[in-house]
PDB file of N, CA and C in Angstrom:
ATOM      1  N   MET A   1      35.483   8.318 -29.688  1.00  0.00           N
ATOM      2  CA  MET A   1      36.949   8.604 -28.477  1.00  0.00           C
ATOM      3  C   MET A   1      36.932   9.944 -28.431  1.00  0.00           C
ATOM      4  N   PHE A   2      37.583  10.490 -27.242  1.00  0.00           N
ATOM      5  CA  PHE A   2      38.429  11.569 -26.917  1.00  0.00           C
ATOM      6  C   PHE A   2      40.003  11.801 -26.753  1.00  0.00           C
ATOM      7  N   TYR A   3      39.862  12.661 -27.187  1.00  0.00           N
ATOM      8  CA  TYR A   3      41.376  13.247 -26.757  1.00  0.00           C
ATOM      9  C   TYR A   3      41.708  14.930 -26.188  1.00  0.00           C
ATOM     10  N   ILE A   4      42.665  14.976 -25.557  1.00  0.00           N
ATOM     11  CA  ILE A   4      43.286  15.987 -24.836  1.00  0.00           C
ATOM     12  C   ILE A   4      43.878  16.581 -26.257  1.00  0.00           C
ATOM     13  N   VAL A   5      43.376  18.136 -26.354  1.00  0.00           N
ATOM     14  CA  VAL A   5      44.209  18.664 -27.606  1.00  0.00           C
ATOM     15  C   VAL A   5      44.732  20.277 -26.496  1.00  0.00           C
ATOM     16  N   THR A   6      45.978  20.537 -27.325  1.00  0.00           N
ATOM     17  CA  THR A   6      46.754  21.666 -26.481  1.00  0.00           C
ATOM     18  C   THR A   6      46.629  22.734 -27.114  1.00  0.00           C
ATOM     19  N   THR A   7      46.924  23.894 -26.565  1.00  0.00           N
ATOM     20  CA  THR A   7      47.862  25.298 -27.363  1.00  0.00           C
ATOM     21  C   THR A   7      48.643  25.843 -26.648  1.00  0.00           C
ATOM     22  N   ILE A   8      49.925  25.383 -26.620  1.00  0.00           N
ATOM     23  CA  ILE A   8      51.302  25.980 -25.834  1.00  0.00           C
ATOM     24  C   ILE A   8      51.496  27.429 -26.202  1.00  0.00           C
ATOM     25  N   CYS A   9      51.867  28.698 -25.450  1.00  0.00           N
ATOM     26  CA  CYS A   9      52.477  29.754 -25.391  1.00  0.00           C
ATOM     27  C   CYS A   9      53.316  29.918 -24.586  1.00  0.00           C
ATOM     28  N   PHE A  10      54.429  30.369 -25.454  1.00  0.00           N
ATOM     29  CA  PHE A  10      55.492  30.956 -24.824  1.00  0.00           C
ATOM     30  C   PHE A  10      55.610  31.779 -24.541  1.00  0.00           C
ATOM     31  N   LEU A  11      55.401  32.820 -23.282  1.00  0.00           N
ATOM     32  CA  LEU A  11      55.261  34.286 -23.318  1.00  0.00           C
ATOM     33  C   LEU A  11      56.194  34.836 -23.521  1.00  0.00           C
ATOM     34  N   HIS A  12      57.864  34.516 -22.959  1.00  0.00           N
ATOM     35  CA  HIS A  12      58.976  35.573 -23.140  1.00  0.00           C
ATOM     36  C   HIS A  12      59.877  34.913 -24.268  1.00  0.00           C
ATOM     37  N   LEU A  13      59.186  34.883 -25.383  1.00  0.00           N
ATOM     38  CA  LEU A  13      60.343  34.233 -26.472  1.00  0.00           C
ATOM     39  C   LEU A  13      60.327  35.483 -27.655  1.00  0.00           C
ATOM     40  N   THR A  14      59.296  36.770 -27.573  1.00  0.00           N
ATOM     41  CA  THR A  14      60.342  37.339 -28.457  1.00  0.00           C
ATOM     42  C   THR A  14      60.421  38.456 -27.474  1.00  0.00           C
ATOM     43  N   ASN A  15      60.993  39.707 -27.951  1.00  0.00           N
ATOM     44  CA  ASN A  15      61.184  40.821 -27.602  1.00  0.00           C
ATOM     45  C   ASN A  15      60.063  41.502 -27.442  1.00  0.00           C
ATOM     46  N   LEU A  16      58.715  40.927 -27.690  1.00  0.00           N
ATOM     47  CA  LEU A  16      57.694  41.805 -27.389  1.00  0.00           C
ATOM     48  C   LEU A  16      56.974  40.963 -26.283  1.00  0.00           C
ATOM     49  N   PRO A  17      57.013  40.904 -25.151  1.00  0.00           N
ATOM     50  CA  PRO A  17      56.339  40.097 -24.273  1.00  0.00           C
ATOM     51  C   PRO A  17      54.635  40.271 -24.487  1.00  0.00           C
ATOM     52  N   GLU A  18      54.039  41.076 -25.262  1.00  0.00           N
ATOM     53  CA  GLU A  18      52.836  40.839 -25.146  1.00  0.00           C
ATOM     54  C   GLU A  18      52.218  40.294 -26.262  1.00  0.00           C
ATOM     55  N   LEU A  19      53.228  40.077 -27.223  1.00  0.00           N
ATOM     56  CA  LEU A  19      53.424  38.845 -28.309  1.00  0.00           C
ATOM     57  C   LEU A  19      53.615  37.699 -28.165  1.00  0.00           C
ATOM     58  N   PRO A  20      53.137  36.753 -27.445  1.00  0.00           N
ATOM     59  CA  PRO A  20      53.476  35.519 -27.204  1.00  0.00           C
ATOM     60  C   PRO A  20      53.664  34.942 -28.313  1.00  0.00           C
ATOM     61  N   VAL A  21      54.246  33.411 -28.378  1.00  0.00           N
ATOM     62  CA  VAL A  21      54.398  32.777 -29.663  1.00  0.00           C
ATOM     63  C   VAL A  21      53.778  31.519 -29.395  1.00  0.00           C
ATOM     64  N   CYS A  22      52.797  31.261 -29.981  1.00  0.00           N
ATOM     65  CA  CYS A  22      51.649  29.920 -29.659  1.00  0.00           C
ATOM     66  C   CYS A  22      51.900  29.083 -30.863  1.00  0.00           C
ATOM     67  N   PHE A  23      51.164  27.757 -30.514  1.00  0.00           N
ATOM     68  CA  PHE A  23      51.276  26.725 -31.094  1.00  0.00           C
ATOM     69  C   PHE A  23      49.937  25.690 -30.938  1.00  0.00           C
ATOM     70  N   ALA A  24      49.165  25.858 -31.836  1.00  0.00           N
ATOM     71  CA  ALA A  24      47.493  24.783 -31.632  1.00  0.00           C
ATOM     72  C   ALA A  24      47.392  23.789 -32.311  1.00  0.00           C
ATOM     73  N   GLN A  25      46.555  23.171 -31.519  1.00  0.00           N
ATOM     74  CA  GLN A  25      45.935  21.684 -32.266  1.00  0.00           C
ATOM     75  C   GLN A  25      47.027  20.767 -31.836  1.00  0.00           C
ATOM     76  N   GLY A  26      48.031  21.287 -30.793  1.00  0.00           N
ATOM     77  CA  GLY A  26      48.825  19.720 -30.318  1.00  0.00           C
ATOM     78  C   GLY A  26      47.704  18.674 -29.804  1.00  0.00           C
ATOM     79  N   PHE A  27      47.758  17.499 -29.779  1.00  0.00           N
ATOM     80  CA  PHE A  27      46.804  16.469 -28.809  1.00  0.00           C
ATOM     81  C   PHE A  27      47.641  15.276 -28.668  1.00  0.00           C
ATOM     82  N   VAL A  28      47.233  14.994 -27.418  1.00  0.00           N
ATOM     83  CA  VAL A  28      47.776  13.602 -26.764  1.00  0.00           C
ATOM     84  C   VAL A  28      47.278  12.314 -27.927  1.00  0.00           C
ATOM     85  N   LYS A  29      48.075  11.429 -28.350  1.00  0.00           N
ATOM     86  CA  LYS A  29      47.337  10.765 -29.318  1.00  0.00           C
ATOM     87  C   LYS A  29      46.729   9.629 -28.415  1.00  0.00           C
ATOM     88  N   TYR A  30      46.779   9.110 -27.406  1.00  0.00           N
ATOM     89  CA  TYR A  30      46.182   8.305 -26.727  1.00  0.00           C
ATOM     90  C   TYR A  30      44.663   8.939 -26.237  1.00  0.00           C
ATOM     91  N   GLY A  31      43.642   7.973 -26.893  1.00  0.00           N
ATOM     92  CA  GLY A  31      42.194   8.418 -26.719  1.00  0.00           C
ATOM     93  C   GLY A  31      41.513   7.896 -25.637  1.00  0.00           C
ATOM     94  N   PHE A  32      40.324   8.340 -25.140  1.00  0.00           N
ATOM     95  CA  PHE A  32      39.419   8.174 -23.761  1.00  0.00           C
ATOM     96  C   PHE A  32      38.278   7.583 -24.340  1.00  0.00           C
ATOM     97  N   GLU A  33      37.872   6.873 -23.932  1.00  0.00           N
ATOM     98  CA  GLU A  33      36.328   6.680 -24.203  1.00  0.00           C
ATOM     99  C   GLU A  33      35.045   7.580 -24.108  1.00  0.00           C
ATOM    100  N   THR A  34      35.306   8.071 -22.731  1.00  0.00           N
ATOM    101  CA  THR A  34      34.252   8.843 -22.203  1.00  0.00           C
ATOM    102  C   THR A  34      35.223  10.245 -22.105  1.00  0.00           C
ATOM    103  N   LYS A  35      34.057  11.311 -22.195  1.00  0.00           N
ATOM    104  CA  LYS A  35      34.581  12.861 -22.050  1.00  0.00           C
ATOM    105  C   LYS A  35      34.764  12.796 -20.586  1.00  0.00           C
ATOM    106  N   GLU A  36      34.230  11.985 -19.808  1.00  0.00           N
ATOM    107  CA  GLU A  36      34.431  12.094 -18.406  1.00  0.00           C
ATOM    108  C   GLU A  36      35.706  11.831 -18.056  1.00  0.00           C
ATOM    109  N   GLU A  37      36.395  10.514 -18.813  1.00  0.00           N
ATOM    110  CA  GLU A  37      37.500  10.004 -18.399  1.00  0.00           C
ATOM    111  C   GLU A  37      38.437  11.076 -19.220  1.00  0.00           C
ATOM    112  N   CYS A  38      38.438  11.631 -20.215  1.00  0.00           N
ATOM    113  CA  CYS A  38      39.185  12.416 -20.655  1.00  0.00           C
ATOM    114  C   CYS A  38      39.433  13.991 -19.759  1.00  0.00           C
ATOM    115  N   GLU A  39      38.563  14.263 -19.256  1.00  0.00           N
ATOM    116  CA  GLU A  39      38.569  14.954 -18.429  1.00  0.00           C
ATOM    117  C   GLU A  39      39.426  15.029 -17.068  1.00  0.00           C
ATOM    118  N   VAL A  40      39.256  14.253 -16.504  1.00  0.00           N
ATOM    119  CA  VAL A  40      39.875  13.372 -15.272  1.00  0.00           C
ATOM    120  C   VAL A  40      41.408  13.381 -15.420  1.00  0.00           C
ATOM    121  N   LYS A  41      42.052  12.791 -16.766  1.00  0.00           N
ATOM    122  CA  LYS A  41      43.011  12.781 -17.042  1.00  0.00           C
ATOM    123  C   LYS A  41      43.680  14.139 -17.305  1.00  0.00           C
ATOM    124  N   LYS A  42      43.083  14.902 -18.140  1.00  0.00           N
ATOM    125  CA  LYS A  42      43.255  16.463 -18.672  1.00  0.00           C
ATOM    126  C   LYS A  42      43.840  17.436 -17.016  1.00  0.00           C
ATOM    127  N   ASN A  43      42.779  16.701 -16.445  1.00  0.00           N
ATOM    128  CA  ASN A  43      43.443  17.269 -15.210  1.00  0.00           C
ATOM    129  C   ASN A  43      44.359  16.911 -13.921  1.00  0.00           C
ATOM    130  N   ASN A  44      44.416  15.758 -14.210  1.00  0.00           N
ATOM    131  CA  ASN A  44      45.550  15.095 -13.261  1.00  0.00           C
ATOM    132  C   ASN A  44      47.103  15.675 -14.099  1.00  0.00           C
ATOM    133  N   LEU A  45      46.830  15.519 -15.537  1.00  0.00           N
ATOM    134  CA  LEU A  45      47.906  16.331 -15.901  1.00  0.00           C
ATOM    135  C   LEU A  45      47.982  18.007 -15.962  1.00  0.00           C
ATOM    136  N   ILE A  46      47.326  18.990 -15.716  1.00  0.00           N
ATOM    137  CA  ILE A  46      47.357  20.280 -15.074  1.00  0.00           C
ATOM    138  C   ILE A  46      47.965  20.211 -13.984  1.00  0.00           C
ATOM    139  N   GLU A  47      47.356  19.335 -13.165  1.00  0.00           N
ATOM    140  CA  GLU A  47      48.493  19.769 -11.712  1.00  0.00           C
ATOM    141  C   GLU A  47      49.652  18.814 -11.875  1.00  0.00           C
ATOM    142  N   LEU A  48      50.044  18.064 -12.660  1.00  0.00           N
ATOM    143  CA  LEU A  48      51.274  17.651 -12.765  1.00  0.00           C
ATOM    144  C   LEU A  48      52.503  18.256 -13.410  1.00  0.00           C
ATOM    145  N   ILE A  49      52.124  19.097 -14.463  1.00  0.00           N
ATOM    146  CA  ILE A  49      52.959  20.420 -14.982  1.00  0.00           C
ATOM    147  C   ILE A  49      52.574  21.639 -14.687  1.00  0.00           C
ATOM    148  N   ASP A  50      51.482  22.002 -13.662  1.00  0.00           N
ATOM    149  CA  ASP A  50      51.570  23.524 -13.544  1.00  0.00           C
ATOM    150  C   ASP A  50      52.602  24.284 -13.241  1.00  0.00           C
ATOM    151  N   GLN A  51      53.527  24.135 -12.310  1.00  0.00           N
ATOM    152  CA  GLN A  51      54.518  24.896 -11.558  1.00  0.00           C
ATOM    153  C   GLN A  51      55.396  24.811 -12.737  1.00  0.00           C
ATOM    154  N   ASP A  52      56.009  23.893 -13.266  1.00  0.00           N
ATOM    155  CA  ASP A  52      56.973  23.540 -14.163  1.00  0.00           C
ATOM    156  C   ASP A  52      56.421  24.287 -15.531  1.00  0.00           C
ATOM    157  N   LEU A  53      55.521  25.052 -15.660  1.00  0.00           N
ATOM    158  CA  LEU A  53      55.226  25.926 -17.268  1.00  0.00           C
ATOM    159  C   LEU A  53      55.056  27.392 -16.192  1.00  0.00           C
ATOM    160  N   LYS A  54      54.647  27.896 -15.023  1.00  0.00           N
ATOM    161  CA  LYS A  54      54.901  28.466 -14.608  1.00  0.00           C
ATOM    162  C   LYS A  54      56.145  29.259 -14.492  1.00  0.00           C
ATOM    163  N   ASP A  55      57.128  28.317 -13.817  1.00  0.00           N
ATOM    164  CA  ASP A  55      58.509  28.809 -14.202  1.00  0.00           C
ATOM    165  C   ASP A  55      59.355  28.874 -15.419  1.00  0.00           C
ATOM    166  N   ARG A  56      58.798  28.506 -16.210  1.00  0.00           N
ATOM    167  CA  ARG A  56      58.846  28.763 -17.548  1.00  0.00           C
ATOM    168  C   ARG A  56      58.556  29.908 -18.549  1.00  0.00           C
ATOM    169  N   GLN A  57      57.547  30.065 -17.756  1.00  0.00           N
ATOM    170  CA  GLN A  57      56.842  31.298 -18.537  1.00  0.00           C
ATOM    171  C   GLN A  57      56.196  31.089 -19.918  1.00  0.00           C
ATOM    172  N   VAL A  58      55.387  29.669 -19.666  1.00  0.00           N
ATOM    173  CA  VAL A  58      54.820  29.081 -20.762  1.00  0.00           C
ATOM    174  C   VAL A  58      53.363  29.099 -20.252  1.00  0.00           C
ATOM    175  N   SER A  59      52.512  29.309 -21.192  1.00  0.00           N
ATOM    176  CA  SER A  59      51.308  29.019 -20.819  1.00  0.00           C
ATOM    177  C   SER A  59      50.351  27.861 -21.649  1.00  0.00           C
ATOM    178  N   MET A  60      49.637  27.369 -21.246  1.00  0.00           N
ATOM    179  CA  MET A  60      49.381  25.966 -21.862  1.00  0.00           C
ATOM    180  C   MET A  60      47.520  26.180 -21.992  1.00  0.00           C
ATOM    181  N   ILE A  61      46.903  25.624 -22.776  1.00  0.00           N
ATOM    182  CA  ILE A  61      45.623  25.666 -22.649  1.00  0.00           C
ATOM    183  C   ILE A  61      45.259  23.955 -22.941  1.00  0.00           C
ATOM    184  N   LEU A  62      44.086  23.332 -22.206  1.00  0.00           N
ATOM    185  CA  LEU A  62      44.120  22.144 -22.431  1.00  0.00           C
ATOM    186  C   LEU A  62      42.539  21.899 -22.623  1.00  0.00           C
ATOM    187  N   TYR A  63      42.010  20.481 -23.392  1.00  0.00           N
ATOM    188  CA  TYR A  63      40.964  21.159 -23.462  1.00  0.00           C
ATOM    189  C   TYR A  63      40.248  19.331 -24.131  1.00  0.00           C
ATOM    190  N   CYS A  64      38.944  18.737 -23.883  1.00  0.00           N
ATOM    191  CA  CYS A  64      38.771  17.652 -24.289  1.00  0.00           C
ATOM    192  C   CYS A  64      37.756  17.557 -25.971  1.00  0.00           C
ATOM    193  N   THR A  65      38.281  16.857 -26.640  1.00  0.00           N
ATOM    194  CA  THR A  65      37.057  17.038 -27.721  1.00  0.00           C
ATOM    195  C   THR A  65      36.986  15.313 -28.747  1.00  0.00           C
ATOM    196  N   THR A  66      36.265  15.388 -29.209  1.00  0.00           N
ATOM    197  CA  THR A  66      36.176  13.800 -30.321  1.00  0.00           C
ATOM    198  C   THR A  66      37.411  14.214 -30.754  1.00  0.00           C
ATOM    199  N   SER A  67      37.519  13.116 -31.883  1.00  0.00           N
ATOM    200  CA  SER A  67      38.386  13.045 -32.850  1.00  0.00           C
ATOM    201  C   SER A  67      38.107  13.686 -34.225  1.00  0.00           C
ATOM    202  N   ASN A  68      36.469  13.842 -34.174  1.00  0.00           N
ATOM    203  CA  ASN A  68      35.832  14.252 -35.380  1.00  0.00           C
ATOM    204  C   ASN A  68      36.347  15.937 -35.482  1.00  0.00           C
ATOM    205  N   GLU A  69      36.722  16.488 -34.140  1.00  0.00           N
ATOM    206  CA  GLU A  69      36.949  17.684 -33.976  1.00  0.00           C
ATOM    207  C   GLU A  69      38.800  18.034 -34.487  1.00  0.00           C
ATOM    208  N   ILE A  70      39.291  17.064 -34.742  1.00  0.00           N
ATOM    209  CA  ILE A  70      40.661  17.025 -34.294  1.00  0.00           C
ATOM    210  C   ILE A  70      40.987  17.280 -35.873  1.00  0.00           C
ATOM    211  N   GLU A  71      41.878  18.271 -36.232  1.00  0.00           N
ATOM    212  CA  GLU A  71      42.803  18.029 -37.629  1.00  0.00           C
ATOM    213  C   GLU A  71      43.835  17.086 -37.549  1.00  0.00           C
ATOM    214  N   GLN A  72      43.936  16.217 -37.975  1.00  0.00           N
ATOM    215  CA  GLN A  72      44.774  15.304 -37.764  1.00  0.00           C
ATOM    216  C   GLN A  72      45.934  15.368 -39.318  1.00  0.00           C
ATOM    217  N   ARG A  73      47.173  15.310 -38.906  1.00  0.00           N
ATOM    218  CA  ARG A  73      48.122  15.131 -39.602  1.00  0.00           C
ATOM    219  C   ARG A  73      49.091  14.184 -39.124  1.00  0.00           C
ATOM    220  N   ASP A  74      49.981  13.320 -39.831  1.00  0.00           N
ATOM    221  CA  ASP A  74      51.023  12.531 -39.580  1.00  0.00           C
ATOM    222  C   ASP A  74      52.285  13.297 -39.964  1.00  0.00           C
ATOM    223  N   VAL A  75      53.321  13.599 -39.010  1.00  0.00           N
ATOM    224  CA  VAL A  75      54.482  15.094 -39.077  1.00  0.00           C
ATOM    225  C   VAL A  75      55.540  14.042 -38.530  1.00  0.00           C
TER     226      VAL A  75
END
């Protein structure tokens, strides 16, 4: 299975704009059978949220990876 993993950074959350506050290893719990399917869904998600993130001065990195590469925790 392949999953979309994210790192999200808030660019102006602190008094020091050059030091964003970032959270890594977020992931979409829904898995995809192939990397190609994951990439298509990831790109669709990027297109959907891109302008909203820019408007809020938030940056996000998204990539597809296998479940073996994700440190999974129940929270």
